[in-house]
Amino acid sequence: MRVAVVLHIISLLEIKSSTRRVLLFEVDGDLITALDEDIVSIADMNWLSLWLLGKRVDKLYCDGLTKSGKRYLENAGITVHSLKHIKEHPVLEALLLKD
């Protein structure tokens, strides 16, 4: 399963409010086999969904999406969760900084 986690970066938020850092994980059970990172804009749902589908993302952890944006991504086959739900996946939680 491919998982994308959208993080907030203060310096990027100052430049453009919709620009986010995205970490991509390839998760196989309790093992992470691949890791990638990119900078994306979450303002345009068409572009974001194409980017996620191009990266073969199955699950997205992201805060700040509208309800219609979440529905749009879910209709494209991408499960959307808020960042607080990442605690349900202990392998991913261990890799990310805690508040």
PDB file of N, CA and C in Angstrom:
ATOM      1  N   MET A   1       0.850  -1.173   0.000  1.00  0.00           N
ATOM      2  CA  MET A   1       0.000   0.000   0.000  1.00  0.00           C
ATOM      3  C   MET A   1       0.891   1.230   0.000  1.00  0.00           C
ATOM      4  N   ARG A   2       0.551   2.189  -0.811  1.00  0.00           N
ATOM      5  CA  ARG A   2       1.257   3.465  -0.830  1.00  0.00           C
ATOM      6  C   ARG A   2       0.511   4.466   0.033  1.00  0.00           C
ATOM      7  N   VAL A   3       1.253   5.160   0.877  1.00  0.00           N
ATOM      8  CA  VAL A   3       0.676   6.129   1.805  1.00  0.00           C
ATOM      9  C   VAL A   3       1.383   7.463   1.595  1.00  0.00           C
ATOM     10  N   ALA A   4       0.608   8.551   1.563  1.00  0.00           N
ATOM     11  CA  ALA A   4       1.161   9.906   1.490  1.00  0.00           C
ATOM     12  C   ALA A   4       0.758  10.653   2.757  1.00  0.00           C
ATOM     13  N   VAL A   5       1.719  11.363   3.343  1.00  0.00           N
ATOM     14  CA  VAL A   5       1.473  12.164   4.538  1.00  0.00           C
ATOM     15  C   VAL A   5       1.813  13.606   4.195  1.00  0.00           C
ATOM     16  N   VAL A   6       0.835  14.492   4.292  1.00  0.00           N
ATOM     17  CA  VAL A   6       1.023  15.906   3.972  1.00  0.00           C
ATOM     18  C   VAL A   6       1.323  16.654   5.263  1.00  0.00           C
ATOM     19  N   LEU A   7       2.494  17.298   5.295  1.00  0.00           N
ATOM     20  CA  LEU A   7       2.939  18.029   6.475  1.00  0.00           C
ATOM     21  C   LEU A   7       2.879  19.530   6.220  1.00  0.00           C
ATOM     22  N   HIS A   8       2.736  20.297   7.287  1.00  0.00           N
ATOM     23  CA  HIS A   8       2.762  21.757   7.201  1.00  0.00           C
ATOM     24  C   HIS A   8       4.185  22.230   7.463  1.00  0.00           C
ATOM     25  N   ILE A   9       4.689  23.119   6.603  1.00  0.00           N
ATOM     26  CA  ILE A   9       6.002  23.716   6.808  1.00  0.00           C
ATOM     27  C   ILE A   9       5.798  25.219   6.888  1.00  0.00           C
ATOM     28  N   ILE A  10       6.218  25.823   7.974  1.00  0.00           N
ATOM     29  CA  ILE A  10       5.955  27.247   8.193  1.00  0.00           C
ATOM     30  C   ILE A  10       6.552  28.092   7.080  1.00  0.00           C
ATOM     31  N   SER A  11       7.802  27.837   6.686  1.00  0.00           N
ATOM     32  CA  SER A  11       8.427  28.663   5.647  1.00  0.00           C
ATOM     33  C   SER A  11       7.680  28.558   4.323  1.00  0.00           C
ATOM     34  N   LEU A  12       7.180  27.363   3.983  1.00  0.00           N
ATOM     35  CA  LEU A  12       6.407  27.216   2.756  1.00  0.00           C
ATOM     36  C   LEU A  12       5.035  27.843   2.894  1.00  0.00           C
ATOM     37  N   LEU A  13       4.455  27.765   4.083  1.00  0.00           N
ATOM     38  CA  LEU A  13       3.143  28.360   4.282  1.00  0.00           C
ATOM     39  C   LEU A  13       3.201  29.874   4.110  1.00  0.00           C
ATOM     40  N   GLU A  14       4.334  30.482   4.463  1.00  0.00           N
ATOM     41  CA  GLU A  14       4.469  31.920   4.291  1.00  0.00           C
ATOM     42  C   GLU A  14       4.526  32.295   2.814  1.00  0.00           C
ATOM     43  N   ILE A  15       5.113  31.420   1.992  1.00  0.00           N
ATOM     44  CA  ILE A  15       5.227  31.688   0.560  1.00  0.00           C
ATOM     45  C   ILE A  15       3.873  31.530  -0.123  1.00  0.00           C
ATOM     46  N   LYS A  16       3.243  30.391   0.113  1.00  0.00           N
ATOM     47  CA  LYS A  16       1.942  30.107  -0.491  1.00  0.00           C
ATOM     48  C   LYS A  16       1.199  29.161   0.438  1.00  0.00           C
ATOM     49  N   SER A  17       0.006  29.536   0.823  1.00  0.00           N
ATOM     50  CA  SER A  17      -0.704  28.792   1.863  1.00  0.00           C
ATOM     51  C   SER A  17      -1.076  27.369   1.467  1.00  0.00           C
ATOM     52  N   SER A  18      -1.096  27.050   0.188  1.00  0.00           N
ATOM     53  CA  SER A  18      -1.506  25.713  -0.219  1.00  0.00           C
ATOM     54  C   SER A  18      -0.325  24.786  -0.517  1.00  0.00           C
ATOM     55  N   THR A  19       0.903  25.269  -0.331  1.00  0.00           N
ATOM     56  CA  THR A  19       2.090  24.461  -0.604  1.00  0.00           C
ATOM     57  C   THR A  19       2.434  23.622   0.619  1.00  0.00           C
ATOM     58  N   ARG A  20       2.629  22.316   0.402  1.00  0.00           N
ATOM     59  CA  ARG A  20       2.894  21.406   1.516  1.00  0.00           C
ATOM     60  C   ARG A  20       4.018  20.432   1.151  1.00  0.00           C
ATOM     61  N   ARG A  21       4.674  19.946   2.172  1.00  0.00           N
ATOM     62  CA  ARG A  21       5.666  18.885   2.036  1.00  0.00           C
ATOM     63  C   ARG A  21       4.923  17.560   2.159  1.00  0.00           C
ATOM     64  N   VAL A  22       5.188  16.635   1.238  1.00  0.00           N
ATOM     65  CA  VAL A  22       4.512  15.339   1.245  1.00  0.00           C
ATOM     66  C   VAL A  22       5.553  14.235   1.355  1.00  0.00           C
ATOM     67  N   LEU A  23       5.358  13.349   2.319  1.00  0.00           N
ATOM     68  CA  LEU A  23       6.196  12.166   2.461  1.00  0.00           C
ATOM     69  C   LEU A  23       5.427  10.985   1.894  1.00  0.00           C
ATOM     70  N   LEU A  24       6.073  10.209   1.041  1.00  0.00           N
ATOM     71  CA  LEU A  24       5.460   9.027   0.440  1.00  0.00           C
ATOM     72  C   LEU A  24       6.095   7.778   1.040  1.00  0.00           C
ATOM     73  N   PHE A  25       5.261   6.840   1.440  1.00  0.00           N
ATOM     74  CA  PHE A  25       5.731   5.591   2.029  1.00  0.00           C
ATOM     75  C   PHE A  25       5.152   4.416   1.254  1.00  0.00           C
ATOM     76  N   GLU A  26       5.952   3.399   1.066  1.00  0.00           N
ATOM     77  CA  GLU A  26       5.473   2.116   0.554  1.00  0.00           C
ATOM     78  C   GLU A  26       5.441   1.203   1.774  1.00  0.00           C
ATOM     79  N   VAL A  27       4.238   0.820   2.201  1.00  0.00           N
ATOM     80  CA  VAL A  27       4.063   0.051   3.431  1.00  0.00           C
ATOM     81  C   VAL A  27       3.621  -1.358   3.082  1.00  0.00           C
ATOM     82  N   ASP A  28       4.352  -2.333   3.603  1.00  0.00           N
ATOM     83  CA  ASP A  28       4.032  -3.743   3.417  1.00  0.00           C
ATOM     84  C   ASP A  28       3.938  -4.373   4.801  1.00  0.00           C
ATOM     85  N   GLY A  29       2.720  -4.411   5.350  1.00  0.00           N
ATOM     86  CA  GLY A  29       2.539  -4.908   6.720  1.00  0.00           C
ATOM     87  C   GLY A  29       3.205  -3.969   7.713  1.00  0.00           C
ATOM     88  N   ASP A  30       4.185  -4.480   8.449  1.00  0.00           N
ATOM     89  CA  ASP A  30       4.923  -3.661   9.414  1.00  0.00           C
ATOM     90  C   ASP A  30       6.263  -3.205   8.867  1.00  0.00           C
ATOM     91  N   LEU A  31       6.440  -3.264   7.559  1.00  0.00           N
ATOM     92  CA  LEU A  31       7.704  -2.931   6.931  1.00  0.00           C
ATOM     93  C   LEU A  31       7.513  -1.800   5.931  1.00  0.00           C
ATOM     94  N   ILE A  32       8.380  -0.799   6.005  1.00  0.00           N
ATOM     95  CA  ILE A  32       8.375   0.279   5.020  1.00  0.00           C
ATOM     96  C   ILE A  32       9.501  -0.016   4.042  1.00  0.00           C
ATOM     97  N   THR A  33       9.137  -0.207   2.775  1.00  0.00           N
ATOM     98  CA  THR A  33      10.120  -0.605   1.779  1.00  0.00           C
ATOM     99  C   THR A  33      10.615   0.546   0.920  1.00  0.00           C
ATOM    100  N   ALA A  34       9.940   1.672   0.926  1.00  0.00           N
ATOM    101  CA  ALA A  34      10.369   2.813   0.120  1.00  0.00           C
ATOM    102  C   ALA A  34       9.912   4.106   0.785  1.00  0.00           C
ATOM    103  N   LEU A  35      10.674   5.146   0.563  1.00  0.00           N
ATOM    104  CA  LEU A  35      10.351   6.452   1.116  1.00  0.00           C
ATOM    105  C   LEU A  35      10.753   7.509   0.102  1.00  0.00           C
ATOM    106  N   ASP A  36       9.867   8.493  -0.131  1.00  0.00           N
ATOM    107  CA  ASP A  36      10.142   9.578  -1.059  1.00  0.00           C
ATOM    108  C   ASP A  36       9.562  10.850  -0.461  1.00  0.00           C
ATOM    109  N   GLU A  37       9.957  11.977  -1.008  1.00  0.00           N
ATOM    110  CA  GLU A  37       9.498  13.268  -0.501  1.00  0.00           C
ATOM    111  C   GLU A  37       9.300  14.205  -1.674  1.00  0.00           C
ATOM    112  N   ASP A  38       8.276  15.082  -1.571  1.00  0.00           N
ATOM    113  CA  ASP A  38       8.008  16.040  -2.640  1.00  0.00           C
ATOM    114  C   ASP A  38       7.333  17.264  -2.032  1.00  0.00           C
ATOM    115  N   ILE A  39       7.287  18.330  -2.786  1.00  0.00           N
ATOM    116  CA  ILE A  39       6.577  19.556  -2.396  1.00  0.00           C
ATOM    117  C   ILE A  39       5.416  19.704  -3.379  1.00  0.00           C
ATOM    118  N   VAL A  40       4.180  19.808  -2.852  1.00  0.00           N
ATOM    119  CA  VAL A  40       3.002  19.895  -3.719  1.00  0.00           C
ATOM    120  C   VAL A  40       2.056  20.981  -3.234  1.00  0.00           C
ATOM    121  N   SER A  41       1.168  21.369  -4.112  1.00  0.00           N
ATOM    122  CA  SER A  41       0.098  22.297  -3.777  1.00  0.00           C
ATOM    123  C   SER A  41      -1.187  21.500  -3.581  1.00  0.00           C
ATOM    124  N   ILE A  42      -1.907  21.790  -2.508  1.00  0.00           N
ATOM    125  CA  ILE A  42      -3.158  21.079  -2.252  1.00  0.00           C
ATOM    126  C   ILE A  42      -4.378  21.929  -2.605  1.00  0.00           C
ATOM    127  N   ALA A  43      -4.164  23.052  -3.298  1.00  0.00           N
ATOM    128  CA  ALA A  43      -5.264  23.959  -3.614  1.00  0.00           C
ATOM    129  C   ALA A  43      -6.162  23.433  -4.735  1.00  0.00           C
ATOM    130  N   ASP A  44      -5.585  22.794  -5.730  1.00  0.00           N
ATOM    131  CA  ASP A  44      -6.339  22.322  -6.895  1.00  0.00           C
ATOM    132  C   ASP A  44      -6.548  20.817  -6.771  1.00  0.00           C
ATOM    133  N   MET A  45      -7.775  20.387  -6.504  1.00  0.00           N
ATOM    134  CA  MET A  45      -8.075  18.970  -6.287  1.00  0.00           C
ATOM    135  C   MET A  45      -7.830  18.127  -7.531  1.00  0.00           C
ATOM    136  N   ASN A  46      -8.053  18.697  -8.730  1.00  0.00           N
ATOM    137  CA  ASN A  46      -7.774  17.954  -9.963  1.00  0.00           C
ATOM    138  C   ASN A  46      -6.289  17.614 -10.048  1.00  0.00           C
ATOM    139  N   TRP A  47      -5.449  18.622  -9.842  1.00  0.00           N
ATOM    140  CA  TRP A  47      -4.005  18.405  -9.923  1.00  0.00           C
ATOM    141  C   TRP A  47      -3.535  17.480  -8.812  1.00  0.00           C
ATOM    142  N   LEU A  48      -4.016  17.693  -7.584  1.00  0.00           N
ATOM    143  CA  LEU A  48      -3.609  16.856  -6.456  1.00  0.00           C
ATOM    144  C   LEU A  48      -3.997  15.404  -6.678  1.00  0.00           C
ATOM    145  N   SER A  49      -5.213  15.167  -7.158  1.00  0.00           N
ATOM    146  CA  SER A  49      -5.640  13.786  -7.381  1.00  0.00           C
ATOM    147  C   SER A  49      -4.813  13.130  -8.482  1.00  0.00           C
ATOM    148  N   LEU A  50      -4.505  13.854  -9.553  1.00  0.00           N
ATOM    149  CA  LEU A  50      -3.656  13.302 -10.607  1.00  0.00           C
ATOM    150  C   LEU A  50      -2.261  12.995 -10.091  1.00  0.00           C
ATOM    151  N   TRP A  51      -1.721  13.872  -9.253  1.00  0.00           N
ATOM    152  CA  TRP A  51      -0.398  13.646  -8.665  1.00  0.00           C
ATOM    153  C   TRP A  51      -0.418  12.398  -7.781  1.00  0.00           C
ATOM    154  N   LEU A  52      -1.436  12.282  -6.926  1.00  0.00           N
ATOM    155  CA  LEU A  52      -1.543  11.122  -6.038  1.00  0.00           C
ATOM    156  C   LEU A  52      -1.733   9.826  -6.824  1.00  0.00           C
ATOM    157  N   LEU A  53      -2.591   9.863  -7.835  1.00  0.00           N
ATOM    158  CA  LEU A  53      -2.811   8.674  -8.663  1.00  0.00           C
ATOM    159  C   LEU A  53      -1.549   8.303  -9.449  1.00  0.00           C
ATOM    160  N   GLY A  54      -0.818   9.307  -9.906  1.00  0.00           N
ATOM    161  CA  GLY A  54       0.431   9.059 -10.613  1.00  0.00           C
ATOM    162  C   GLY A  54       1.478   8.411  -9.718  1.00  0.00           C
ATOM    163  N   LYS A  55       1.427   8.727  -8.435  1.00  0.00           N
ATOM    164  CA  LYS A  55       2.340   8.127  -7.452  1.00  0.00           C
ATOM    165  C   LYS A  55       1.775   6.827  -6.886  1.00  0.00           C
ATOM    166  N   ARG A  56       0.582   6.417  -7.362  1.00  0.00           N
ATOM    167  CA  ARG A  56      -0.104   5.193  -6.929  1.00  0.00           C
ATOM    168  C   ARG A  56      -0.398   5.185  -5.417  1.00  0.00           C
ATOM    169  N   VAL A  57      -0.836   6.339  -4.900  1.00  0.00           N
ATOM    170  CA  VAL A  57      -1.151   6.471  -3.477  1.00  0.00           C
ATOM    171  C   VAL A  57      -2.529   5.887  -3.201  1.00  0.00           C
ATOM    172  N   ASP A  58      -2.605   5.024  -2.170  1.00  0.00           N
ATOM    173  CA  ASP A  58      -3.872   4.421  -1.753  1.00  0.00           C
ATOM    174  C   ASP A  58      -4.509   5.173  -0.592  1.00  0.00           C
ATOM    175  N   LYS A  59      -3.663   5.754   0.268  1.00  0.00           N
ATOM    176  CA  LYS A  59      -4.154   6.391   1.483  1.00  0.00           C
ATOM    177  C   LYS A  59      -3.422   7.715   1.676  1.00  0.00           C
ATOM    178  N   LEU A  60      -4.177   8.754   2.056  1.00  0.00           N
ATOM    179  CA  LEU A  60      -3.631  10.087   2.260  1.00  0.00           C
ATOM    180  C   LEU A  60      -3.939  10.554   3.667  1.00  0.00           C
ATOM    181  N   TYR A  61      -2.928  11.019   4.375  1.00  0.00           N
ATOM    182  CA  TYR A  61      -3.102  11.658   5.673  1.00  0.00           C
ATOM    183  C   TYR A  61      -2.847  13.147   5.464  1.00  0.00           C
ATOM    184  N   CYS A  62      -3.890  13.971   5.667  1.00  0.00           N
ATOM    185  CA  CYS A  62      -3.776  15.398   5.372  1.00  0.00           C
ATOM    186  C   CYS A  62      -4.797  16.187   6.181  1.00  0.00           C
ATOM    187  N   ASP A  63      -4.365  17.322   6.705  1.00  0.00           N
ATOM    188  CA  ASP A  63      -5.279  18.264   7.345  1.00  0.00           C
ATOM    189  C   ASP A  63      -5.487  19.441   6.395  1.00  0.00           C
ATOM    190  N   GLY A  64      -6.616  20.095   6.521  1.00  0.00           N
ATOM    191  CA  GLY A  64      -6.868  21.300   5.747  1.00  0.00           C
ATOM    192  C   GLY A  64      -7.629  21.107   4.451  1.00  0.00           C
ATOM    193  N   LEU A  65      -8.071  19.891   4.152  1.00  0.00           N
ATOM    194  CA  LEU A  65      -8.877  19.680   2.955  1.00  0.00           C
ATOM    195  C   LEU A  65     -10.352  19.931   3.281  1.00  0.00           C
ATOM    196  N   THR A  66     -11.078  20.451   2.320  1.00  0.00           N
ATOM    197  CA  THR A  66     -12.517  20.645   2.504  1.00  0.00           C
ATOM    198  C   THR A  66     -13.226  19.295   2.403  1.00  0.00           C
ATOM    199  N   LYS A  67     -14.469  19.246   2.858  1.00  0.00           N
ATOM    200  CA  LYS A  67     -15.253  18.008   2.753  1.00  0.00           C
ATOM    201  C   LYS A  67     -15.422  17.595   1.295  1.00  0.00           C
ATOM    202  N   SER A  68     -15.671  18.580   0.435  1.00  0.00           N
ATOM    203  CA  SER A  68     -15.823  18.254  -0.986  1.00  0.00           C
ATOM    204  C   SER A  68     -14.504  17.763  -1.575  1.00  0.00           C
ATOM    205  N   GLY A  69     -13.383  18.304  -1.125  1.00  0.00           N
ATOM    206  CA  GLY A  69     -12.079  17.842  -1.579  1.00  0.00           C
ATOM    207  C   GLY A  69     -11.808  16.407  -1.149  1.00  0.00           C
ATOM    208  N   LYS A  70     -12.174  16.088   0.081  1.00  0.00           N
ATOM    209  CA  LYS A  70     -12.016  14.718   0.576  1.00  0.00           C
ATOM    210  C   LYS A  70     -12.879  13.752  -0.242  1.00  0.00           C
ATOM    211  N   ARG A  71     -14.136  14.149  -0.503  1.00  0.00           N
ATOM    212  CA  ARG A  71     -15.027  13.305  -1.302  1.00  0.00           C
ATOM    213  C   ARG A  71     -14.472  13.104  -2.711  1.00  0.00           C
ATOM    214  N   TYR A  72     -13.934  14.159  -3.282  1.00  0.00           N
ATOM    215  CA  TYR A  72     -13.361  14.086  -4.626  1.00  0.00           C
ATOM    216  C   TYR A  72     -12.234  13.055  -4.668  1.00  0.00           C
ATOM    217  N   LEU A  73     -11.330  13.110  -3.684  1.00  0.00           N
ATOM    218  CA  LEU A  73     -10.215  12.168  -3.644  1.00  0.00           C
ATOM    219  C   LEU A  73     -10.707  10.745  -3.373  1.00  0.00           C
ATOM    220  N   GLU A  74     -11.710  10.609  -2.501  1.00  0.00           N
ATOM    221  CA  GLU A  74     -12.246   9.280  -2.208  1.00  0.00           C
ATOM    222  C   GLU A  74     -12.939   8.685  -3.441  1.00  0.00           C
ATOM    223  N   ASN A  75     -13.590   9.525  -4.244  1.00  0.00           N
ATOM    224  CA  ASN A  75     -14.184   9.048  -5.492  1.00  0.00           C
ATOM    225  C   ASN A  75     -13.119   8.595  -6.485  1.00  0.00           C
ATOM    226  N   ALA A  76     -11.912   9.140  -6.345  1.00  0.00           N
ATOM    227  CA  ALA A  76     -10.797   8.735  -7.202  1.00  0.00           C
ATOM    228  C   ALA A  76     -10.112   7.477  -6.671  1.00  0.00           C
ATOM    229  N   GLY A  77     -10.595   6.951  -5.534  1.00  0.00           N
ATOM    230  CA  GLY A  77     -10.042   5.719  -4.977  1.00  0.00           C
ATOM    231  C   GLY A  77      -8.976   5.914  -3.930  1.00  0.00           C
ATOM    232  N   ILE A  78      -8.840   7.138  -3.401  1.00  0.00           N
ATOM    233  CA  ILE A  78      -7.831   7.432  -2.386  1.00  0.00           C
ATOM    234  C   ILE A  78      -8.531   7.648  -1.046  1.00  0.00           C
ATOM    235  N   THR A  79      -8.184   6.843  -0.056  1.00  0.00           N
ATOM    236  CA  THR A  79      -8.748   6.990   1.283  1.00  0.00           C
ATOM    237  C   THR A  79      -8.080   8.179   1.962  1.00  0.00           C
ATOM    238  N   VAL A  80      -8.875   9.081   2.568  1.00  0.00           N
ATOM    239  CA  VAL A  80      -8.351  10.297   3.184  1.00  0.00           C
ATOM    240  C   VAL A  80      -8.600  10.263   4.691  1.00  0.00           C
ATOM    241  N   HIS A  81      -7.532  10.550   5.459  1.00  0.00           N
ATOM    242  CA  HIS A  81      -7.613  10.622   6.922  1.00  0.00           C
ATOM    243  C   HIS A  81      -6.935  11.902   7.386  1.00  0.00           C
ATOM    244  N   SER A  82      -7.310  12.388   8.559  1.00  0.00           N
ATOM    245  CA  SER A  82      -6.605  13.527   9.142  1.00  0.00           C
ATOM    246  C   SER A  82      -5.292  13.042   9.742  1.00  0.00           C
ATOM    247  N   LEU A  83      -4.369  13.968   9.973  1.00  0.00           N
ATOM    248  CA  LEU A  83      -3.060  13.596  10.502  1.00  0.00           C
ATOM    249  C   LEU A  83      -3.143  12.934  11.871  1.00  0.00           C
ATOM    250  N   LYS A  84      -4.154  13.257  12.668  1.00  0.00           N
ATOM    251  CA  LYS A  84      -4.253  12.656  13.997  1.00  0.00           C
ATOM    252  C   LYS A  84      -4.497  11.147  13.921  1.00  0.00           C
ATOM    253  N   HIS A  85      -5.023  10.652  12.803  1.00  0.00           N
ATOM    254  CA  HIS A  85      -5.274   9.219  12.646  1.00  0.00           C
ATOM    255  C   HIS A  85      -4.022   8.421  12.298  1.00  0.00           C
ATOM    256  N   ILE A  86      -2.895   9.113  12.108  1.00  0.00           N
ATOM    257  CA  ILE A  86      -1.662   8.399  11.793  1.00  0.00           C
ATOM    258  C   ILE A  86      -1.194   7.559  12.976  1.00  0.00           C
ATOM    259  N   LYS A  87      -1.680   7.881  14.162  1.00  0.00           N
ATOM    260  CA  LYS A  87      -1.333   7.107  15.358  1.00  0.00           C
ATOM    261  C   LYS A  87      -1.874   5.690  15.288  1.00  0.00           C
ATOM    262  N   GLU A  88      -2.844   5.454  14.411  1.00  0.00           N
ATOM    263  CA  GLU A  88      -3.384   4.104  14.231  1.00  0.00           C
ATOM    264  C   GLU A  88      -2.424   3.218  13.444  1.00  0.00           C
ATOM    265  N   HIS A  89      -1.410   3.812  12.832  1.00  0.00           N
ATOM    266  CA  HIS A  89      -0.405   3.044  12.096  1.00  0.00           C
ATOM    267  C   HIS A  89       0.943   3.233  12.805  1.00  0.00           C
ATOM    268  N   PRO A  90       1.319   2.321  13.704  1.00  0.00           N
ATOM    269  CA  PRO A  90       2.498   2.520  14.549  1.00  0.00           C
ATOM    270  C   PRO A  90       3.812   2.659  13.783  1.00  0.00           C
ATOM    271  N   VAL A  91       3.942   2.027  12.623  1.00  0.00           N
ATOM    272  CA  VAL A  91       5.187   2.134  11.854  1.00  0.00           C
ATOM    273  C   VAL A  91       5.358   3.550  11.329  1.00  0.00           C
ATOM    274  N   LEU A  92       4.296   4.126  10.777  1.00  0.00           N
ATOM    275  CA  LEU A  92       4.368   5.501  10.282  1.00  0.00           C
ATOM    276  C   LEU A  92       4.528   6.491  11.424  1.00  0.00           C
ATOM    277  N   GLU A  93       3.828   6.266  12.519  1.00  0.00           N
ATOM    278  CA  GLU A  93       3.916   7.170  13.666  1.00  0.00           C
ATOM    279  C   GLU A  93       5.341   7.235  14.190  1.00  0.00           C
ATOM    280  N   ALA A  94       6.036   6.126  14.192  1.00  0.00           N
ATOM    281  CA  ALA A  94       7.405   6.092  14.702  1.00  0.00           C
ATOM    282  C   ALA A  94       8.360   6.901  13.836  1.00  0.00           C
ATOM    283  N   LEU A  95       8.059   7.029  12.543  1.00  0.00           N
ATOM    284  CA  LEU A  95       8.933   7.776  11.641  1.00  0.00           C
ATOM    285  C   LEU A  95       8.706   9.288  11.689  1.00  0.00           C
ATOM    286  N   LEU A  96       7.555   9.712  12.153  1.00  0.00           N
ATOM    287  CA  LEU A  96       7.221  11.135  12.131  1.00  0.00           C
ATOM    288  C   LEU A  96       7.451  11.757  13.497  1.00  0.00           C
ATOM    289  N   LEU A  97       7.789  13.038  13.479  1.00  0.00           N
ATOM    290  CA  LEU A  97       7.989  13.772  14.729  1.00  0.00           C
ATOM    291  C   LEU A  97       6.660  13.944  15.439  1.00  0.00           C
ATOM    292  N   LYS A  98       6.696  13.816  16.747  1.00  0.00           N
ATOM    293  CA  LYS A  98       5.477  13.965  17.536  1.00  0.00           C
ATOM    294  C   LYS A  98       5.381  15.387  18.051  1.00  0.00           C
ATOM    295  N   ASP A  99       4.139  15.847  18.288  1.00  0.00           N
ATOM    296  CA  ASP A  99       3.915  17.200  18.823  1.00  0.00           C
ATOM    297  C   ASP A  99       4.413  17.291  20.243  1.00  0.00           C
TER     298      ASP A  99
END
